[in-house]
Amino acid sequence: MKDGSKQTDVLEEVWVAFEEGDQPALRELVARFCSLLGQEAMYLEFTASEIELIPPYEES
């Protein structure tokens, strides 16, 4: 905490896929959640990845 005290929070990991041009909107969304939850900061990590949606296997 800013005053030097320690606070332990329950963490929730969330993965989001988005178009590259939407990165500013995602940053704003995270900042809004940060305010809503009263957090000093929120961890946001960007990684390069490829998303592929695979339908269930159907036997012929």
PDB file of N, CA and C in Angstrom:
ATOM      1  N   MET A   1       0.841  -1.166   0.000  1.00  0.00           N
ATOM      2  CA  MET A   1       0.000   0.000   0.000  1.00  0.00           C
ATOM      3  C   MET A   1       0.895   1.240   0.000  1.00  0.00           C
ATOM      4  N   LYS A   2       0.330   2.341  -0.385  1.00  0.00           N
ATOM      5  CA  LYS A   2       1.106   3.589  -0.427  1.00  0.00           C
ATOM      6  C   LYS A   2       1.678   3.969   0.933  1.00  0.00           C
ATOM      7  N   ASP A   3       0.955   3.622   2.008  1.00  0.00           N
ATOM      8  CA  ASP A   3       1.427   3.988   3.346  1.00  0.00           C
ATOM      9  C   ASP A   3       2.423   2.973   3.912  1.00  0.00           C
ATOM     10  N   GLY A   4       2.770   1.957   3.132  1.00  0.00           N
ATOM     11  CA  GLY A   4       3.745   0.956   3.568  1.00  0.00           C
ATOM     12  C   GLY A   4       3.122  -0.284   4.185  1.00  0.00           C
ATOM     13  N   SER A   5       1.818  -0.264   4.439  1.00  0.00           N
ATOM     14  CA  SER A   5       1.161  -1.433   5.008  1.00  0.00           C
ATOM     15  C   SER A   5       0.969  -2.506   3.942  1.00  0.00           C
ATOM     16  N   LYS A   6       0.729  -3.722   4.396  1.00  0.00           N
ATOM     17  CA  LYS A   6       0.555  -4.856   3.486  1.00  0.00           C
ATOM     18  C   LYS A   6      -0.906  -5.278   3.471  1.00  0.00           C
ATOM     19  N   GLN A   7      -1.401  -5.575   2.287  1.00  0.00           N
ATOM     20  CA  GLN A   7      -2.764  -6.081   2.152  1.00  0.00           C
ATOM     21  C   GLN A   7      -2.726  -7.265   1.207  1.00  0.00           C
ATOM     22  N   THR A   8      -3.347  -8.358   1.599  1.00  0.00           N
ATOM     23  CA  THR A   8      -3.417  -9.546   0.765  1.00  0.00           C
ATOM     24  C   THR A   8      -4.798  -9.601   0.122  1.00  0.00           C
ATOM     25  N   ASP A   9      -4.815  -9.688  -1.204  1.00  0.00           N
ATOM     26  CA  ASP A   9      -6.079  -9.731  -1.939  1.00  0.00           C
ATOM     27  C   ASP A   9      -6.277 -11.109  -2.557  1.00  0.00           C
ATOM     28  N   VAL A  10      -7.527 -11.469  -2.782  1.00  0.00           N
ATOM     29  CA  VAL A  10      -7.863 -12.656  -3.553  1.00  0.00           C
ATOM     30  C   VAL A  10      -7.718 -12.261  -5.022  1.00  0.00           C
ATOM     31  N   LEU A  11      -6.974 -13.049  -5.773  1.00  0.00           N
ATOM     32  CA  LEU A  11      -6.712 -12.712  -7.168  1.00  0.00           C
ATOM     33  C   LEU A  11      -7.585 -13.519  -8.114  1.00  0.00           C
ATOM     34  N   GLU A  12      -7.911 -12.916  -9.230  1.00  0.00           N
ATOM     35  CA  GLU A  12      -8.662 -13.582 -10.293  1.00  0.00           C
ATOM     36  C   GLU A  12      -7.905 -13.362 -11.592  1.00  0.00           C
ATOM     37  N   GLU A  13      -7.517 -14.433 -12.256  1.00  0.00           N
ATOM     38  CA  GLU A  13      -6.813 -14.331 -13.531  1.00  0.00           C
ATOM     39  C   GLU A  13      -7.836 -14.369 -14.663  1.00  0.00           C
ATOM     40  N   VAL A  14      -7.748 -13.409 -15.550  1.00  0.00           N
ATOM     41  CA  VAL A  14      -8.686 -13.314 -16.669  1.00  0.00           C
ATOM     42  C   VAL A  14      -7.886 -13.205 -17.954  1.00  0.00           C
ATOM     43  N   TRP A  15      -8.223 -14.008 -18.944  1.00  0.00           N
ATOM     44  CA  TRP A  15      -7.593 -13.946 -20.260  1.00  0.00           C
ATOM     45  C   TRP A  15      -8.597 -13.339 -21.230  1.00  0.00           C
ATOM     46  N   VAL A  16      -8.128 -12.411 -22.052  1.00  0.00           N
ATOM     47  CA  VAL A  16      -8.993 -11.717 -22.998  1.00  0.00           C
ATOM     48  C   VAL A  16      -8.328 -11.726 -24.368  1.00  0.00           C
ATOM     49  N   ALA A  17      -9.085 -12.060 -25.397  1.00  0.00           N
ATOM     50  CA  ALA A  17      -8.600 -11.952 -26.775  1.00  0.00           C
ATOM     51  C   ALA A  17      -9.240 -10.715 -27.391  1.00  0.00           C
ATOM     52  N   PHE A  18      -8.424  -9.920 -28.091  1.00  0.00           N
ATOM     53  CA  PHE A  18      -8.940  -8.687 -28.670  1.00  0.00           C
ATOM     54  C   PHE A  18      -8.118  -8.320 -29.897  1.00  0.00           C
ATOM     55  N   GLU A  19      -8.681  -7.489 -30.739  1.00  0.00           N
ATOM     56  CA  GLU A  19      -7.975  -6.999 -31.918  1.00  0.00           C
ATOM     57  C   GLU A  19      -6.894  -6.016 -31.481  1.00  0.00           C
ATOM     58  N   GLU A  20      -5.776  -6.013 -32.172  1.00  0.00           N
ATOM     59  CA  GLU A  20      -4.640  -5.184 -31.794  1.00  0.00           C
ATOM     60  C   GLU A  20      -5.020  -3.710 -31.638  1.00  0.00           C
ATOM     61  N   GLY A  21      -5.882  -3.208 -32.491  1.00  0.00           N
ATOM     62  CA  GLY A  21      -6.289  -1.809 -32.426  1.00  0.00           C
ATOM     63  C   GLY A  21      -7.150  -1.469 -31.221  1.00  0.00           C
ATOM     64  N   ASP A  22      -7.642  -2.490 -30.502  1.00  0.00           N
ATOM     65  CA  ASP A  22      -8.506  -2.268 -29.338  1.00  0.00           C
ATOM     66  C   ASP A  22      -7.736  -2.178 -28.021  1.00  0.00           C
ATOM     67  N   GLN A  23      -6.414  -2.197 -28.080  1.00  0.00           N
ATOM     68  CA  GLN A  23      -5.608  -2.161 -26.859  1.00  0.00           C
ATOM     69  C   GLN A  23      -5.894  -0.926 -25.998  1.00  0.00           C
ATOM     70  N   PRO A  24      -6.028   0.276 -26.565  1.00  0.00           N
ATOM     71  CA  PRO A  24      -6.355   1.436 -25.723  1.00  0.00           C
ATOM     72  C   PRO A  24      -7.699   1.282 -24.993  1.00  0.00           C
ATOM     73  N   ALA A  25      -8.684   0.712 -25.657  1.00  0.00           N
ATOM     74  CA  ALA A  25      -9.993   0.505 -25.024  1.00  0.00           C
ATOM     75  C   ALA A  25      -9.891  -0.509 -23.885  1.00  0.00           C
ATOM     76  N   LEU A  26      -9.064  -1.534 -24.060  1.00  0.00           N
ATOM     77  CA  LEU A  26      -8.876  -2.519 -22.995  1.00  0.00           C
ATOM     78  C   LEU A  26      -8.184  -1.877 -21.796  1.00  0.00           C
ATOM     79  N   ARG A  27      -7.173  -1.039 -22.043  1.00  0.00           N
ATOM     80  CA  ARG A  27      -6.503  -0.336 -20.950  1.00  0.00           C
ATOM     81  C   ARG A  27      -7.500   0.522 -20.166  1.00  0.00           C
ATOM     82  N   GLU A  28      -8.373   1.217 -20.886  1.00  0.00           N
ATOM     83  CA  GLU A  28      -9.376   2.057 -20.229  1.00  0.00           C
ATOM     84  C   GLU A  28     -10.338   1.208 -19.406  1.00  0.00           C
ATOM     85  N   LEU A  29     -10.755   0.072 -19.944  1.00  0.00           N
ATOM     86  CA  LEU A  29     -11.662  -0.822 -19.227  1.00  0.00           C
ATOM     87  C   LEU A  29     -11.022  -1.311 -17.926  1.00  0.00           C
ATOM     88  N   VAL A  30      -9.755  -1.705 -17.986  1.00  0.00           N
ATOM     89  CA  VAL A  30      -9.054  -2.163 -16.786  1.00  0.00           C
ATOM     90  C   VAL A  30      -8.936  -1.018 -15.778  1.00  0.00           C
ATOM     91  N   ALA A  31      -8.642   0.194 -16.250  1.00  0.00           N
ATOM     92  CA  ALA A  31      -8.551   1.355 -15.356  1.00  0.00           C
ATOM     93  C   ALA A  31      -9.889   1.630 -14.677  1.00  0.00           C
ATOM     94  N   ARG A  32     -10.985   1.428 -15.404  1.00  0.00           N
ATOM     95  CA  ARG A  32     -12.319   1.637 -14.811  1.00  0.00           C
ATOM     96  C   ARG A  32     -12.597   0.588 -13.723  1.00  0.00           C
ATOM     97  N   PHE A  33     -12.232  -0.679 -14.000  1.00  0.00           N
ATOM     98  CA  PHE A  33     -12.385  -1.713 -12.976  1.00  0.00           C
ATOM     99  C   PHE A  33     -11.514  -1.404 -11.766  1.00  0.00           C
ATOM    100  N   CYS A  34     -10.318  -0.900 -12.008  1.00  0.00           N
ATOM    101  CA  CYS A  34      -9.401  -0.512 -10.932  1.00  0.00           C
ATOM    102  C   CYS A  34     -10.079   0.511 -10.015  1.00  0.00           C
ATOM    103  N   SER A  35     -10.697   1.526 -10.605  1.00  0.00           N
ATOM    104  CA  SER A  35     -11.408   2.545  -9.826  1.00  0.00           C
ATOM    105  C   SER A  35     -12.607   1.955  -9.093  1.00  0.00           C
ATOM    106  N   LEU A  36     -13.384   1.151  -9.813  1.00  0.00           N
ATOM    107  CA  LEU A  36     -14.592   0.547  -9.242  1.00  0.00           C
ATOM    108  C   LEU A  36     -14.267  -0.303  -8.021  1.00  0.00           C
ATOM    109  N   LEU A  37     -13.153  -1.027  -8.080  1.00  0.00           N
ATOM    110  CA  LEU A  37     -12.767  -1.928  -6.997  1.00  0.00           C
ATOM    111  C   LEU A  37     -11.902  -1.256  -5.932  1.00  0.00           C
ATOM    112  N   GLY A  38     -11.570   0.022  -6.135  1.00  0.00           N
ATOM    113  CA  GLY A  38     -10.766   0.743  -5.157  1.00  0.00           C
ATOM    114  C   GLY A  38      -9.313   0.281  -5.094  1.00  0.00           C
ATOM    115  N   GLN A  39      -8.781  -0.189  -6.209  1.00  0.00           N
ATOM    116  CA  GLN A  39      -7.406  -0.674  -6.261  1.00  0.00           C
ATOM    117  C   GLN A  39      -6.430   0.467  -6.528  1.00  0.00           C
ATOM    118  N   GLU A  40      -5.202   0.330  -6.034  1.00  0.00           N
ATOM    119  CA  GLU A  40      -4.157   1.307  -6.348  1.00  0.00           C
ATOM    120  C   GLU A  40      -3.637   1.081  -7.761  1.00  0.00           C
ATOM    121  N   ALA A  41      -3.645  -0.160  -8.204  1.00  0.00           N
ATOM    122  CA  ALA A  41      -3.177  -0.526  -9.544  1.00  0.00           C
ATOM    123  C   ALA A  41      -3.692  -1.918  -9.866  1.00  0.00           C
ATOM    124  N   MET A  42      -3.729  -2.243 -11.143  1.00  0.00           N
ATOM    125  CA  MET A  42      -4.073  -3.594 -11.587  1.00  0.00           C
ATOM    126  C   MET A  42      -3.012  -4.048 -12.572  1.00  0.00           C
ATOM    127  N   TYR A  43      -2.664  -5.328 -12.506  1.00  0.00           N
ATOM    128  CA  TYR A  43      -1.656  -5.925 -13.368  1.00  0.00           C
ATOM    129  C   TYR A  43      -2.294  -6.266 -14.710  1.00  0.00           C
ATOM    130  N   LEU A  44      -1.700  -5.789 -15.787  1.00  0.00           N
ATOM    131  CA  LEU A  44      -2.182  -6.078 -17.138  1.00  0.00           C
ATOM    132  C   LEU A  44      -0.975  -6.480 -17.970  1.00  0.00           C
ATOM    133  N   GLU A  45      -1.020  -7.669 -18.534  1.00  0.00           N
ATOM    134  CA  GLU A  45       0.099  -8.190 -19.323  1.00  0.00           C
ATOM    135  C   GLU A  45      -0.379  -8.479 -20.737  1.00  0.00           C
ATOM    136  N   PHE A  46       0.398  -8.050 -21.715  1.00  0.00           N
ATOM    137  CA  PHE A  46       0.099  -8.333 -23.115  1.00  0.00           C
ATOM    138  C   PHE A  46       1.090  -9.372 -23.627  1.00  0.00           C
ATOM    139  N   THR A  47       0.579 -10.389 -24.296  1.00  0.00           N
ATOM    140  CA  THR A  47       1.431 -11.407 -24.906  1.00  0.00           C
ATOM    141  C   THR A  47       0.990 -11.612 -26.348  1.00  0.00           C
ATOM    142  N   ALA A  48       1.917 -11.993 -27.181  1.00  0.00           N
ATOM    143  CA  ALA A  48       1.583 -12.311 -28.572  1.00  0.00           C
ATOM    144  C   ALA A  48       1.112 -13.761 -28.612  1.00  0.00           C
ATOM    145  N   SER A  49      -0.062 -13.976 -29.138  1.00  0.00           N
ATOM    146  CA  SER A  49      -0.580 -15.338 -29.227  1.00  0.00           C
ATOM    147  C   SER A  49      -1.521 -15.458 -30.413  1.00  0.00           C
ATOM    148  N   GLU A  50      -1.805 -16.667 -30.759  1.00  0.00           N
ATOM    149  CA  GLU A  50      -2.720 -16.960 -31.863  1.00  0.00           C
ATOM    150  C   GLU A  50      -3.884 -17.750 -31.300  1.00  0.00           C
ATOM    151  N   ILE A  51      -5.093 -17.303 -31.589  1.00  0.00           N
ATOM    152  CA  ILE A  51      -6.307 -17.951 -31.089  1.00  0.00           C
ATOM    153  C   ILE A  51      -6.917 -18.781 -32.213  1.00  0.00           C
ATOM    154  N   GLU A  52      -7.264 -20.015 -31.900  1.00  0.00           N
ATOM    155  CA  GLU A  52      -7.928 -20.882 -32.867  1.00  0.00           C
ATOM    156  C   GLU A  52      -9.083 -21.574 -32.152  1.00  0.00           C
ATOM    157  N   LEU A  53     -10.283 -21.449 -32.693  1.00  0.00           N
ATOM    158  CA  LEU A  53     -11.452 -22.096 -32.102  1.00  0.00           C
ATOM    159  C   LEU A  53     -11.645 -23.448 -32.774  1.00  0.00           C
ATOM    160  N   ILE A  54     -11.631 -24.518 -31.988  1.00  0.00           N
ATOM    161  CA  ILE A  54     -11.731 -25.881 -32.495  1.00  0.00           C
ATOM    162  C   ILE A  54     -13.104 -26.440 -32.107  1.00  0.00           C
ATOM    163  N   PRO A  55     -13.894 -26.846 -33.102  1.00  0.00           N
ATOM    164  CA  PRO A  55     -15.205 -27.444 -32.772  1.00  0.00           C
ATOM    165  C   PRO A  55     -15.030 -28.870 -32.250  1.00  0.00           C
ATOM    166  N   PRO A  56     -16.050 -29.413 -31.596  1.00  0.00           N
ATOM    167  CA  PRO A  56     -15.969 -30.798 -31.088  1.00  0.00           C
ATOM    168  C   PRO A  56     -15.772 -31.775 -32.246  1.00  0.00           C
ATOM    169  N   TYR A  57     -15.097 -32.863 -31.940  1.00  0.00           N
ATOM    170  CA  TYR A  57     -14.872 -33.916 -32.931  1.00  0.00           C
ATOM    171  C   TYR A  57     -16.164 -34.690 -33.142  1.00  0.00           C
ATOM    172  N   GLU A  58     -16.503 -34.901 -34.391  1.00  0.00           N
ATOM    173  CA  GLU A  58     -17.691 -35.687 -34.721  1.00  0.00           C
ATOM    174  C   GLU A  58     -17.275 -36.864 -35.571  1.00  0.00           C
ATOM    175  N   GLU A  59     -17.608 -38.067 -35.094  1.00  0.00           N
ATOM    176  CA  GLU A  59     -17.281 -39.272 -35.853  1.00  0.00           C
ATOM    177  C   GLU A  59     -18.233 -39.416 -37.023  1.00  0.00           C
ATOM    178  N   SER A  60     -17.697 -39.857 -38.162  1.00  0.00           N
ATOM    179  CA  SER A  60     -18.526 -40.021 -39.362  1.00  0.00           C
ATOM    180  C   SER A  60     -19.210 -41.352 -39.387  1.00  0.00           C
TER     181      SER A  60
END
